[in-house]
């Protein structure tokens, strides 16, 4: 098996694999490739987030090795990949298969660069299509019922930040009190809390547009002030056992809340209160819908949501914009042409 050239001498390096049968040999080669990939990740890990490393490892261990590991790297061809993706699409969403394709393609790019193979077979395969997800969005009456049920519970602030400000789950649970200006009624989003295999990790937003300042409605400002008072009570109650991370949304003893765990808690909360099931992330979609329906411009809405371009906002919420267009046409007709006799 051909390895990466020696970084100092530039000489070819080879690794010989021995086994009793061809099948055993292929398995050993697959295991060796896996070890090389793990070594590559370790070397480059300072430049890769832990969540990305988890994605690479998860896809490799759960999909690539079981399905493609017995195929010698030099013999891997586009047909293998087409059959592999077709099989995956029977069980997984299009977005999951796209992620598998993206990671496999990147790994094979590395194999081309290190001269393990001459051409990347993933370049010759069409990217698997993902069905467009249509979120289930509460109307305003449903949101008010949700808010009423959350009053006096640990769910109120996360619901307000998601439904009232359109913040992402990781942004909500990574938000610190230092990020809030009560004087100027503004939140600065500059970090997120990410669950990883190594535990919870604070990180900066993935994109420049993700780091943003958001003006806060008065109702949310007052709710945040009340939450700050409750946290002060908890600090006194727990005393030296209180772990102060300065987080806005945290456990009673101050420790961070796992965003993934909270999603399950939120689903249980909806069920216990007889409310229609939605994902916690769908509250962000509710916020976007409300902004657009109440006349907030697409540029402002896009910036508040942390989208990199208005095109992303328009694509996701095209159905809302279409409804608004119908309403605009009706208003023009009633207001401008309503008094004209067309007969």
C-alpha atoms as a PDB file:
ATOM      1  CA  UNK A   1       0.000   0.000   0.000  1.00  0.00           C
ATOM      2  CA  UNK A   2       1.337   3.463  -0.989  1.00  0.00           C
ATOM      3  CA  UNK A   3       1.668   6.004   1.834  1.00  0.00           C
ATOM      4  CA  UNK A   4       2.284   9.747   1.856  1.00  0.00           C
ATOM      5  CA  UNK A   5       5.796  10.674   0.683  1.00  0.00           C
ATOM      6  CA  UNK A   6       8.364  11.395   3.385  1.00  0.00           C
ATOM      7  CA  UNK A   7       7.969  15.118   4.207  1.00  0.00           C
ATOM      8  CA  UNK A   8      11.752  15.617   4.483  1.00  0.00           C
ATOM      9  CA  UNK A   9      13.289  13.434   1.758  1.00  0.00           C
ATOM     10  CA  UNK A  10      10.306  13.297  -0.593  1.00  0.00           C
ATOM     11  CA  UNK A  11      10.852   9.559  -1.045  1.00  0.00           C
ATOM     12  CA  UNK A  12       8.001   7.097  -1.584  1.00  0.00           C
ATOM     13  CA  UNK A  13       6.852   5.166   1.473  1.00  0.00           C
ATOM     14  CA  UNK A  14       5.020   1.836   1.336  1.00  0.00           C
ATOM     15  CA  UNK A  15       3.265  -0.324   3.904  1.00  0.00           C
ATOM     16  CA  UNK A  16       2.989  -4.073   3.327  1.00  0.00           C
ATOM     17  CA  UNK A  17      -0.019  -5.917   4.704  1.00  0.00           C
ATOM     18  CA  UNK A  18      -0.038  -9.714   5.081  1.00  0.00           C
ATOM     19  CA  UNK A  19      -2.966 -12.086   5.726  1.00  0.00           C
ATOM     20  CA  UNK A  20      -4.013 -15.683   5.036  1.00  0.00           C
ATOM     21  CA  UNK A  21      -6.784 -14.740   2.599  1.00  0.00           C
ATOM     22  CA  UNK A  22      -7.546 -11.916   0.181  1.00  0.00           C
ATOM     23  CA  UNK A  23     -10.623 -10.965   2.215  1.00  0.00           C
ATOM     24  CA  UNK A  24      -8.619 -10.673   5.441  1.00  0.00           C
ATOM     25  CA  UNK A  25      -6.017  -8.609   3.608  1.00  0.00           C
ATOM     26  CA  UNK A  26      -8.659  -6.162   2.332  1.00  0.00           C
ATOM     27  CA  UNK A  27     -10.044  -5.756   5.854  1.00  0.00           C
ATOM     28  CA  UNK A  28      -6.554  -5.054   7.188  1.00  0.00           C
ATOM     29  CA  UNK A  29      -5.965  -2.464   4.473  1.00  0.00           C
ATOM     30  CA  UNK A  30      -9.261  -0.786   5.420  1.00  0.00           C
ATOM     31  CA  UNK A  31      -8.198  -0.730   9.071  1.00  0.00           C
ATOM     32  CA  UNK A  32      -4.845   0.759   8.092  1.00  0.00           C
ATOM     33  CA  UNK A  33      -6.521   3.513   6.059  1.00  0.00           C
ATOM     34  CA  UNK A  34      -8.726   4.245   9.062  1.00  0.00           C
ATOM     35  CA  UNK A  35      -5.660   4.547  11.319  1.00  0.00           C
ATOM     36  CA  UNK A  36      -3.976   6.871   8.821  1.00  0.00           C
ATOM     37  CA  UNK A  37      -7.108   9.024   8.720  1.00  0.00           C
ATOM     38  CA  UNK A  38      -7.228   9.156  12.526  1.00  0.00           C
ATOM     39  CA  UNK A  39      -3.558  10.201  12.534  1.00  0.00           C
ATOM     40  CA  UNK A  40      -4.330  12.952  10.016  1.00  0.00           C
ATOM     41  CA  UNK A  41      -7.153  14.242  12.202  1.00  0.00           C
ATOM     42  CA  UNK A  42      -4.863  14.253  15.251  1.00  0.00           C
ATOM     43  CA  UNK A  43      -2.212  16.282  13.404  1.00  0.00           C
ATOM     44  CA  UNK A  44      -4.714  18.806  12.053  1.00  0.00           C
ATOM     45  CA  UNK A  45      -7.008  18.911  15.107  1.00  0.00           C
ATOM     46  CA  UNK A  46      -5.792  22.375  16.246  1.00  0.00           C
ATOM     47  CA  UNK A  47      -7.463  23.734  13.093  1.00  0.00           C
ATOM     48  CA  UNK A  48     -10.596  21.559  13.314  1.00  0.00           C
ATOM     49  CA  UNK A  49     -13.405  21.929  15.840  1.00  0.00           C
ATOM     50  CA  UNK A  50     -14.229  18.969  18.064  1.00  0.00           C
ATOM     51  CA  UNK A  51     -17.742  18.773  16.595  1.00  0.00           C
ATOM     52  CA  UNK A  52     -16.214  18.449  13.098  1.00  0.00           C
ATOM     53  CA  UNK A  53     -13.875  15.718  14.334  1.00  0.00           C
ATOM     54  CA  UNK A  54     -16.909  13.936  15.828  1.00  0.00           C
ATOM     55  CA  UNK A  55     -18.682  14.184  12.465  1.00  0.00           C
ATOM     56  CA  UNK A  56     -15.678  12.714  10.614  1.00  0.00           C
ATOM     57  CA  UNK A  57     -15.278   9.888  13.118  1.00  0.00           C
ATOM     58  CA  UNK A  58     -19.006   9.129  13.240  1.00  0.00           C
ATOM     59  CA  UNK A  59     -19.358   8.924   9.462  1.00  0.00           C
ATOM     60  CA  UNK A  60     -16.172   6.864   9.127  1.00  0.00           C
ATOM     61  CA  UNK A  61     -17.040   4.358  11.856  1.00  0.00           C
ATOM     62  CA  UNK A  62     -20.794   4.049  11.204  1.00  0.00           C
ATOM     63  CA  UNK A  63     -20.970   4.281   7.412  1.00  0.00           C
ATOM     64  CA  UNK A  64     -17.706   4.221   5.460  1.00  0.00           C
ATOM     65  CA  UNK A  65     -15.845   1.354   7.150  1.00  0.00           C
ATOM     66  CA  UNK A  66     -18.883  -1.025   7.390  1.00  0.00           C
ATOM     67  CA  UNK A  67     -20.019  -0.405   3.792  1.00  0.00           C
ATOM     68  CA  UNK A  68     -16.852   0.411   1.843  1.00  0.00           C
ATOM     69  CA  UNK A  69     -14.042  -0.794   4.083  1.00  0.00           C
ATOM     70  CA  UNK A  70     -13.558  -4.113   2.301  1.00  0.00           C
ATOM     71  CA  UNK A  71     -13.013  -2.452  -1.107  1.00  0.00           C
ATOM     72  CA  UNK A  72      -9.319  -1.768  -1.865  1.00  0.00           C
ATOM     73  CA  UNK A  73      -8.822   1.978  -2.166  1.00  0.00           C
ATOM     74  CA  UNK A  74      -7.319   1.703  -5.662  1.00  0.00           C
ATOM     75  CA  UNK A  75     -10.419  -0.209  -6.863  1.00  0.00           C
ATOM     76  CA  UNK A  76     -13.038   2.148  -5.383  1.00  0.00           C
ATOM     77  CA  UNK A  77     -15.037   3.539  -8.310  1.00  0.00           C
ATOM     78  CA  UNK A  78     -18.084   5.782  -8.930  1.00  0.00           C
ATOM     79  CA  UNK A  79     -20.425   2.777  -9.259  1.00  0.00           C
ATOM     80  CA  UNK A  80     -19.507   1.656  -5.727  1.00  0.00           C
ATOM     81  CA  UNK A  81     -20.394   5.117  -4.442  1.00  0.00           C
ATOM     82  CA  UNK A  82     -23.661   5.358  -6.389  1.00  0.00           C
ATOM     83  CA  UNK A  83     -24.816   2.032  -4.937  1.00  0.00           C
ATOM     84  CA  UNK A  84     -23.615   3.092  -1.486  1.00  0.00           C
ATOM     85  CA  UNK A  85     -25.583   6.380  -1.599  1.00  0.00           C
ATOM     86  CA  UNK A  86     -28.701   4.682  -2.965  1.00  0.00           C
ATOM     87  CA  UNK A  87     -28.630   2.222  -0.061  1.00  0.00           C
ATOM     88  CA  UNK A  88     -28.162   5.041   2.458  1.00  0.00           C
ATOM     89  CA  UNK A  89     -31.034   7.065   0.994  1.00  0.00           C
ATOM     90  CA  UNK A  90     -33.415   4.204   1.770  1.00  0.00           C
ATOM     91  CA  UNK A  91     -32.773   4.716   5.484  1.00  0.00           C
ATOM     92  CA  UNK A  92     -31.429   8.251   5.994  1.00  0.00           C
ATOM     93  CA  UNK A  93     -32.464  11.762   5.028  1.00  0.00           C
ATOM     94  CA  UNK A  94     -30.978  13.449   1.994  1.00  0.00           C
ATOM     95  CA  UNK A  95     -29.073  15.875   4.213  1.00  0.00           C
ATOM     96  CA  UNK A  96     -27.418  13.002   6.102  1.00  0.00           C
ATOM     97  CA  UNK A  97     -26.365  11.332   2.854  1.00  0.00           C
ATOM     98  CA  UNK A  98     -25.030  14.676   1.615  1.00  0.00           C
ATOM     99  CA  UNK A  99     -22.912  14.943   4.765  1.00  0.00           C
ATOM    100  CA  UNK A 100     -21.564  11.403   4.226  1.00  0.00           C
ATOM    101  CA  UNK A 101     -20.719  12.320   0.615  1.00  0.00           C
ATOM    102  CA  UNK A 102     -19.021  15.563   1.673  1.00  0.00           C
ATOM    103  CA  UNK A 103     -16.814  13.842   4.250  1.00  0.00           C
ATOM    104  CA  UNK A 104     -15.969  10.915   1.955  1.00  0.00           C
ATOM    105  CA  UNK A 105     -15.084  13.301  -0.856  1.00  0.00           C
ATOM    106  CA  UNK A 106     -12.777  15.269   1.438  1.00  0.00           C
ATOM    107  CA  UNK A 107     -11.079  12.078   2.627  1.00  0.00           C
ATOM    108  CA  UNK A 108     -10.564  10.894  -0.962  1.00  0.00           C
ATOM    109  CA  UNK A 109      -9.163  14.321  -1.881  1.00  0.00           C
ATOM    110  CA  UNK A 110      -6.540  13.656   0.767  1.00  0.00           C
ATOM    111  CA  UNK A 111      -5.828  10.269  -0.802  1.00  0.00           C
ATOM    112  CA  UNK A 112      -5.272  11.961  -4.181  1.00  0.00           C
ATOM    113  CA  UNK A 113      -2.925  14.565  -2.676  1.00  0.00           C
ATOM    114  CA  UNK A 114      -0.875  11.868  -0.938  1.00  0.00           C
ATOM    115  CA  UNK A 115      -0.770   9.826  -4.170  1.00  0.00           C
ATOM    116  CA  UNK A 116      -2.707   6.859  -2.784  1.00  0.00           C
ATOM    117  CA  UNK A 117      -5.053   7.177  -5.793  1.00  0.00           C
ATOM    118  CA  UNK A 118      -4.861   9.139  -9.044  1.00  0.00           C
ATOM    119  CA  UNK A 119      -8.428  10.438  -9.182  1.00  0.00           C
ATOM    120  CA  UNK A 120     -11.198  11.076  -6.655  1.00  0.00           C
ATOM    121  CA  UNK A 121     -14.151   8.783  -7.575  1.00  0.00           C
ATOM    122  CA  UNK A 122     -16.492  11.007  -5.538  1.00  0.00           C
ATOM    123  CA  UNK A 123     -15.907  13.800  -8.093  1.00  0.00           C
ATOM    124  CA  UNK A 124     -17.542  11.598 -10.732  1.00  0.00           C
ATOM    125  CA  UNK A 125     -20.748  10.996  -8.748  1.00  0.00           C
ATOM    126  CA  UNK A 126     -23.690  13.389  -8.565  1.00  0.00           C
ATOM    127  CA  UNK A 127     -24.164  14.861  -5.101  1.00  0.00           C
ATOM    128  CA  UNK A 128     -27.148  13.154  -3.436  1.00  0.00           C
ATOM    129  CA  UNK A 129     -30.239  15.380  -3.450  1.00  0.00           C
ATOM    130  CA  UNK A 130     -31.799  16.512  -0.174  1.00  0.00           C
ATOM    131  CA  UNK A 131     -35.506  17.126   0.152  1.00  0.00           C
ATOM    132  CA  UNK A 132     -36.282  20.654   1.254  1.00  0.00           C
ATOM    133  CA  UNK A 133     -37.368  20.616   4.883  1.00  0.00           C
ATOM    134  CA  UNK A 134     -40.576  22.508   5.614  1.00  0.00           C
ATOM    135  CA  UNK A 135     -40.607  23.413   9.304  1.00  0.00           C
ATOM    136  CA  UNK A 136     -43.710  23.121  11.453  1.00  0.00           C
ATOM    137  CA  UNK A 137     -44.292  26.667  12.645  1.00  0.00           C
ATOM    138  CA  UNK A 138     -46.613  27.784  15.443  1.00  0.00           C
ATOM    139  CA  UNK A 139     -48.992  30.630  14.754  1.00  0.00           C
ATOM    140  CA  UNK A 140     -49.009  33.530  17.210  1.00  0.00           C
ATOM    141  CA  UNK A 141     -51.866  32.105  19.288  1.00  0.00           C
ATOM    142  CA  UNK A 142     -50.000  28.804  19.726  1.00  0.00           C
ATOM    143  CA  UNK A 143     -46.837  30.684  20.689  1.00  0.00           C
ATOM    144  CA  UNK A 144     -48.688  32.647  23.379  1.00  0.00           C
ATOM    145  CA  UNK A 145     -50.072  29.387  24.788  1.00  0.00           C
ATOM    146  CA  UNK A 146     -46.548  28.007  24.874  1.00  0.00           C
ATOM    147  CA  UNK A 147     -45.282  31.125  26.611  1.00  0.00           C
ATOM    148  CA  UNK A 148     -48.090  30.958  29.192  1.00  0.00           C
ATOM    149  CA  UNK A 149     -47.238  27.316  29.976  1.00  0.00           C
ATOM    150  CA  UNK A 150     -43.554  28.244  30.350  1.00  0.00           C
ATOM    151  CA  UNK A 151     -44.184  31.041  32.840  1.00  0.00           C
ATOM    152  CA  UNK A 152     -42.287  30.363  36.069  1.00  0.00           C
ATOM    153  CA  UNK A 153     -40.314  27.469  34.546  1.00  0.00           C
ATOM    154  CA  UNK A 154     -36.781  27.039  33.226  1.00  0.00           C
ATOM    155  CA  UNK A 155     -38.229  27.030  29.700  1.00  0.00           C
ATOM    156  CA  UNK A 156     -39.365  30.646  29.544  1.00  0.00           C
ATOM    157  CA  UNK A 157     -36.054  32.336  28.697  1.00  0.00           C
ATOM    158  CA  UNK A 158     -34.906  29.776  26.062  1.00  0.00           C
ATOM    159  CA  UNK A 159     -38.353  30.026  24.418  1.00  0.00           C
ATOM    160  CA  UNK A 160     -38.206  33.835  24.395  1.00  0.00           C
ATOM    161  CA  UNK A 161     -34.693  33.911  22.956  1.00  0.00           C
ATOM    162  CA  UNK A 162     -35.585  31.415  20.215  1.00  0.00           C
ATOM    163  CA  UNK A 163     -39.116  32.598  19.428  1.00  0.00           C
ATOM    164  CA  UNK A 164     -38.627  36.287  20.187  1.00  0.00           C
ATOM    165  CA  UNK A 165     -35.100  36.849  18.874  1.00  0.00           C
ATOM    166  CA  UNK A 166     -34.537  33.943  16.477  1.00  0.00           C
ATOM    167  CA  UNK A 167     -31.392  32.749  18.247  1.00  0.00           C
ATOM    168  CA  UNK A 168     -30.009  29.289  17.555  1.00  0.00           C
ATOM    169  CA  UNK A 169     -29.991  26.620  20.267  1.00  0.00           C
ATOM    170  CA  UNK A 170     -26.214  26.685  20.769  1.00  0.00           C
ATOM    171  CA  UNK A 171     -26.239  30.499  20.875  1.00  0.00           C
ATOM    172  CA  UNK A 172     -28.909  30.512  23.574  1.00  0.00           C
ATOM    173  CA  UNK A 173     -27.087  28.133  25.907  1.00  0.00           C
ATOM    174  CA  UNK A 174     -23.750  29.824  25.271  1.00  0.00           C
ATOM    175  CA  UNK A 175     -25.103  33.319  25.999  1.00  0.00           C
ATOM    176  CA  UNK A 176     -23.479  35.100  28.948  1.00  0.00           C
ATOM    177  CA  UNK A 177     -24.814  38.023  30.956  1.00  0.00           C
ATOM    178  CA  UNK A 178     -21.854  40.065  29.705  1.00  0.00           C
ATOM    179  CA  UNK A 179     -23.367  39.765  26.222  1.00  0.00           C
ATOM    180  CA  UNK A 180     -26.484  41.696  27.273  1.00  0.00           C
ATOM    181  CA  UNK A 181     -26.745  45.476  27.572  1.00  0.00           C
ATOM    182  CA  UNK A 182     -29.846  46.364  29.561  1.00  0.00           C
ATOM    183  CA  UNK A 183     -29.093  50.043  28.996  1.00  0.00           C
ATOM    184  CA  UNK A 184     -29.077  49.792  25.197  1.00  0.00           C
ATOM    185  CA  UNK A 185     -31.474  46.804  25.059  1.00  0.00           C
ATOM    186  CA  UNK A 186     -29.108  44.759  22.942  1.00  0.00           C
ATOM    187  CA  UNK A 187     -27.696  41.228  22.865  1.00  0.00           C
ATOM    188  CA  UNK A 188     -24.342  40.488  21.266  1.00  0.00           C
ATOM    189  CA  UNK A 189     -24.098  36.927  19.938  1.00  0.00           C
ATOM    190  CA  UNK A 190     -20.433  35.945  19.996  1.00  0.00           C
ATOM    191  CA  UNK A 191     -20.269  32.335  21.187  1.00  0.00           C
ATOM    192  CA  UNK A 192     -22.195  29.084  21.173  1.00  0.00           C
ATOM    193  CA  UNK A 193     -22.261  25.965  23.327  1.00  0.00           C
ATOM    194  CA  UNK A 194     -21.630  22.765  21.368  1.00  0.00           C
ATOM    195  CA  UNK A 195     -22.061  19.153  22.589  1.00  0.00           C
ATOM    196  CA  UNK A 196     -19.081  17.010  21.554  1.00  0.00           C
ATOM    197  CA  UNK A 197     -17.645  13.588  22.395  1.00  0.00           C
ATOM    198  CA  UNK A 198     -15.246  15.414  24.735  1.00  0.00           C
ATOM    199  CA  UNK A 199     -18.063  17.211  26.575  1.00  0.00           C
ATOM    200  CA  UNK A 200     -19.602  20.657  26.178  1.00  0.00           C
ATOM    201  CA  UNK A 201     -17.409  23.167  24.354  1.00  0.00           C
ATOM    202  CA  UNK A 202     -17.777  26.934  23.973  1.00  0.00           C
ATOM    203  CA  UNK A 203     -16.897  28.144  20.485  1.00  0.00           C
ATOM    204  CA  UNK A 204     -17.315  31.184  18.276  1.00  0.00           C
ATOM    205  CA  UNK A 205     -20.096  31.258  15.645  1.00  0.00           C
ATOM    206  CA  UNK A 206     -19.317  29.295  12.471  1.00  0.00           C
ATOM    207  CA  UNK A 207     -19.588  32.361  10.221  1.00  0.00           C
ATOM    208  CA  UNK A 208     -18.908  36.090  10.520  1.00  0.00           C
ATOM    209  CA  UNK A 209     -22.621  36.765  10.070  1.00  0.00           C
ATOM    210  CA  UNK A 210     -23.360  34.460  13.024  1.00  0.00           C
ATOM    211  CA  UNK A 211     -21.628  36.983  15.294  1.00  0.00           C
ATOM    212  CA  UNK A 212     -24.160  39.786  15.511  1.00  0.00           C
ATOM    213  CA  UNK A 213     -25.942  42.336  17.700  1.00  0.00           C
ATOM    214  CA  UNK A 214     -29.713  42.033  18.176  1.00  0.00           C
ATOM    215  CA  UNK A 215     -32.010  44.721  19.578  1.00  0.00           C
ATOM    216  CA  UNK A 216     -34.258  43.279  22.312  1.00  0.00           C
ATOM    217  CA  UNK A 217     -38.017  43.931  22.665  1.00  0.00           C
ATOM    218  CA  UNK A 218     -39.079  45.435  26.003  1.00  0.00           C
ATOM    219  CA  UNK A 219     -40.970  42.319  27.135  1.00  0.00           C
ATOM    220  CA  UNK A 220     -37.855  40.166  26.744  1.00  0.00           C
ATOM    221  CA  UNK A 221     -35.698  42.774  28.516  1.00  0.00           C
ATOM    222  CA  UNK A 222     -37.983  42.677  31.562  1.00  0.00           C
ATOM    223  CA  UNK A 223     -38.034  38.864  31.526  1.00  0.00           C
ATOM    224  CA  UNK A 224     -34.226  38.773  31.437  1.00  0.00           C
ATOM    225  CA  UNK A 225     -34.039  41.183  34.389  1.00  0.00           C
ATOM    226  CA  UNK A 226     -36.324  38.867  36.353  1.00  0.00           C
ATOM    227  CA  UNK A 227     -34.159  35.863  35.423  1.00  0.00           C
ATOM    228  CA  UNK A 228     -31.058  37.701  36.673  1.00  0.00           C
ATOM    229  CA  UNK A 229     -32.776  38.188  40.052  1.00  0.00           C
ATOM    230  CA  UNK A 230     -33.658  34.478  40.235  1.00  0.00           C
ATOM    231  CA  UNK A 231     -30.065  33.516  39.526  1.00  0.00           C
ATOM    232  CA  UNK A 232     -28.853  35.739  42.363  1.00  0.00           C
ATOM    233  CA  UNK A 233     -31.184  33.838  44.696  1.00  0.00           C
ATOM    234  CA  UNK A 234     -29.734  30.527  43.460  1.00  0.00           C
ATOM    235  CA  UNK A 235     -26.182  31.773  44.069  1.00  0.00           C
ATOM    236  CA  UNK A 236     -27.078  32.484  47.688  1.00  0.00           C
ATOM    237  CA  UNK A 237     -28.897  29.149  48.006  1.00  0.00           C
ATOM    238  CA  UNK A 238     -26.029  27.033  46.622  1.00  0.00           C
ATOM    239  CA  UNK A 239     -23.264  29.153  48.149  1.00  0.00           C
ATOM    240  CA  UNK A 240     -19.751  27.852  47.339  1.00  0.00           C
ATOM    241  CA  UNK A 241     -21.258  24.927  45.400  1.00  0.00           C
ATOM    242  CA  UNK A 242     -22.620  27.330  42.769  1.00  0.00           C
ATOM    243  CA  UNK A 243     -20.584  27.041  39.536  1.00  0.00           C
ATOM    244  CA  UNK A 244     -20.642  30.494  38.017  1.00  0.00           C
ATOM    245  CA  UNK A 245     -20.150  30.418  34.238  1.00  0.00           C
ATOM    246  CA  UNK A 246     -22.075  33.710  33.976  1.00  0.00           C
ATOM    247  CA  UNK A 247     -24.574  31.969  31.679  1.00  0.00           C
ATOM    248  CA  UNK A 248     -28.054  33.356  31.052  1.00  0.00           C
ATOM    249  CA  UNK A 249     -29.583  29.894  30.635  1.00  0.00           C
ATOM    250  CA  UNK A 250     -28.106  27.374  33.039  1.00  0.00           C
ATOM    251  CA  UNK A 251     -29.008  24.776  35.642  1.00  0.00           C
ATOM    252  CA  UNK A 252     -29.996  26.020  39.142  1.00  0.00           C
ATOM    253  CA  UNK A 253     -26.414  25.440  40.339  1.00  0.00           C
ATOM    254  CA  UNK A 254     -24.986  27.498  37.458  1.00  0.00           C
ATOM    255  CA  UNK A 255     -23.626  24.675  35.290  1.00  0.00           C
ATOM    256  CA  UNK A 256     -24.209  24.717  31.504  1.00  0.00           C
ATOM    257  CA  UNK A 257     -27.225  22.997  29.958  1.00  0.00           C
ATOM    258  CA  UNK A 258     -26.480  20.441  27.254  1.00  0.00           C
ATOM    259  CA  UNK A 259     -28.294  21.790  24.138  1.00  0.00           C
ATOM    260  CA  UNK A 260     -29.046  18.265  22.884  1.00  0.00           C
ATOM    261  CA  UNK A 261     -30.503  17.221  26.234  1.00  0.00           C
ATOM    262  CA  UNK A 262     -32.616  20.367  26.340  1.00  0.00           C
ATOM    263  CA  UNK A 263     -34.242  19.505  23.002  1.00  0.00           C
ATOM    264  CA  UNK A 264     -35.587  16.299  24.592  1.00  0.00           C
ATOM    265  CA  UNK A 265     -36.687  18.208  27.708  1.00  0.00           C
ATOM    266  CA  UNK A 266     -38.498  20.711  25.503  1.00  0.00           C
ATOM    267  CA  UNK A 267     -40.349  17.903  23.695  1.00  0.00           C
ATOM    268  CA  UNK A 268     -41.393  16.445  27.063  1.00  0.00           C
ATOM    269  CA  UNK A 269     -42.551  19.897  28.212  1.00  0.00           C
ATOM    270  CA  UNK A 270     -44.807  20.243  25.151  1.00  0.00           C
ATOM    271  CA  UNK A 271     -46.296  16.798  25.722  1.00  0.00           C
ATOM    272  CA  UNK A 272     -46.923  17.410  29.437  1.00  0.00           C
ATOM    273  CA  UNK A 273     -48.792  20.630  28.619  1.00  0.00           C
ATOM    274  CA  UNK A 274     -50.845  19.230  25.743  1.00  0.00           C
ATOM    275  CA  UNK A 275     -49.134  21.449  23.168  1.00  0.00           C
ATOM    276  CA  UNK A 276     -48.541  20.470  19.554  1.00  0.00           C
ATOM    277  CA  UNK A 277     -45.097  18.971  19.006  1.00  0.00           C
ATOM    278  CA  UNK A 278     -42.481  21.094  17.277  1.00  0.00           C
ATOM    279  CA  UNK A 279     -38.704  21.025  17.405  1.00  0.00           C
ATOM    280  CA  UNK A 280     -37.090  23.650  19.604  1.00  0.00           C
ATOM    281  CA  UNK A 281     -35.339  24.935  16.460  1.00  0.00           C
ATOM    282  CA  UNK A 282     -38.764  25.587  14.912  1.00  0.00           C
ATOM    283  CA  UNK A 283     -39.173  28.529  17.307  1.00  0.00           C
ATOM    284  CA  UNK A 284     -36.422  30.234  15.309  1.00  0.00           C
ATOM    285  CA  UNK A 285     -38.545  29.687  12.199  1.00  0.00           C
ATOM    286  CA  UNK A 286     -41.514  31.161  14.089  1.00  0.00           C
ATOM    287  CA  UNK A 287     -39.478  34.286  14.791  1.00  0.00           C
ATOM    288  CA  UNK A 288     -38.512  34.672  11.145  1.00  0.00           C
ATOM    289  CA  UNK A 289     -42.111  34.199  10.032  1.00  0.00           C
ATOM    290  CA  UNK A 290     -43.386  36.793  12.526  1.00  0.00           C
ATOM    291  CA  UNK A 291     -40.762  39.334  11.460  1.00  0.00           C
ATOM    292  CA  UNK A 292     -41.644  39.000   7.789  1.00  0.00           C
ATOM    293  CA  UNK A 293     -45.409  39.023   8.383  1.00  0.00           C
ATOM    294  CA  UNK A 294     -45.159  42.154  10.506  1.00  0.00           C
ATOM    295  CA  UNK A 295     -43.240  44.053   7.860  1.00  0.00           C
ATOM    296  CA  UNK A 296     -39.615  43.686   8.963  1.00  0.00           C
ATOM    297  CA  UNK A 297     -37.495  44.053   5.839  1.00  0.00           C
ATOM    298  CA  UNK A 298     -35.731  40.987   4.471  1.00  0.00           C
ATOM    299  CA  UNK A 299     -32.293  42.566   5.033  1.00  0.00           C
ATOM    300  CA  UNK A 300     -32.972  43.318   8.687  1.00  0.00           C
ATOM    301  CA  UNK A 301     -34.580  39.900   9.280  1.00  0.00           C
ATOM    302  CA  UNK A 302     -31.612  38.160   7.648  1.00  0.00           C
ATOM    303  CA  UNK A 303     -29.126  40.068   9.798  1.00  0.00           C
ATOM    304  CA  UNK A 304     -31.023  39.350  13.030  1.00  0.00           C
ATOM    305  CA  UNK A 305     -31.152  35.636  12.162  1.00  0.00           C
ATOM    306  CA  UNK A 306     -27.427  35.561  11.419  1.00  0.00           C
ATOM    307  CA  UNK A 307     -27.793  34.423   7.801  1.00  0.00           C
ATOM    308  CA  UNK A 308     -24.771  35.107   5.607  1.00  0.00           C
ATOM    309  CA  UNK A 309     -26.956  36.414   2.748  1.00  0.00           C
ATOM    310  CA  UNK A 310     -30.556  37.523   2.242  1.00  0.00           C
ATOM    311  CA  UNK A 311     -30.806  34.792  -0.417  1.00  0.00           C
ATOM    312  CA  UNK A 312     -30.684  32.177   2.355  1.00  0.00           C
ATOM    313  CA  UNK A 313     -33.537  33.905   4.203  1.00  0.00           C
ATOM    314  CA  UNK A 314     -35.584  34.211   1.025  1.00  0.00           C
ATOM    315  CA  UNK A 315     -35.017  30.554   0.129  1.00  0.00           C
ATOM    316  CA  UNK A 316     -36.025  29.233   3.559  1.00  0.00           C
ATOM    317  CA  UNK A 317     -39.050  31.485   3.975  1.00  0.00           C
ATOM    318  CA  UNK A 318     -40.250  31.706   0.390  1.00  0.00           C
ATOM    319  CA  UNK A 319     -43.700  30.455   1.414  1.00  0.00           C
ATOM    320  CA  UNK A 320     -44.091  33.389   3.843  1.00  0.00           C
ATOM    321  CA  UNK A 321     -42.958  35.902   1.222  1.00  0.00           C
ATOM    322  CA  UNK A 322     -45.436  34.392  -1.258  1.00  0.00           C
ATOM    323  CA  UNK A 323     -48.288  34.828   1.252  1.00  0.00           C
ATOM    324  CA  UNK A 324     -47.184  38.424   1.839  1.00  0.00           C
ATOM    325  CA  UNK A 325     -47.177  39.023  -1.912  1.00  0.00           C
ATOM    326  CA  UNK A 326     -50.793  37.814  -2.122  1.00  0.00           C
ATOM    327  CA  UNK A 327     -51.751  40.163   0.715  1.00  0.00           C
ATOM    328  CA  UNK A 328     -49.928  43.051  -0.954  1.00  0.00           C
ATOM    329  CA  UNK A 329     -51.814  42.464  -4.215  1.00  0.00           C
ATOM    330  CA  UNK A 330     -55.132  42.439  -2.333  1.00  0.00           C
ATOM    331  CA  UNK A 331     -54.285  45.671  -0.487  1.00  0.00           C
ATOM    332  CA  UNK A 332     -53.307  47.360  -3.754  1.00  0.00           C
ATOM    333  CA  UNK A 333     -56.516  46.189  -5.360  1.00  0.00           C
ATOM    334  CA  UNK A 334     -58.716  47.295  -2.446  1.00  0.00           C
ATOM    335  CA  UNK A 335     -56.887  50.547  -1.763  1.00  0.00           C
ATOM    336  CA  UNK A 336     -56.105  51.719  -5.292  1.00  0.00           C
ATOM    337  CA  UNK A 337     -58.649  50.091  -7.566  1.00  0.00           C
ATOM    338  CA  UNK A 338     -61.448  49.331  -5.133  1.00  0.00           C
ATOM    339  CA  UNK A 339     -63.510  52.388  -6.091  1.00  0.00           C
ATOM    340  CA  UNK A 340     -63.222  51.964  -9.850  1.00  0.00           C
ATOM    341  CA  UNK A 341     -66.068  50.590 -11.937  1.00  0.00           C
ATOM    342  CA  UNK A 342     -64.529  48.199 -14.459  1.00  0.00           C
ATOM    343  CA  UNK A 343     -67.813  47.393 -16.216  1.00  0.00           C
END
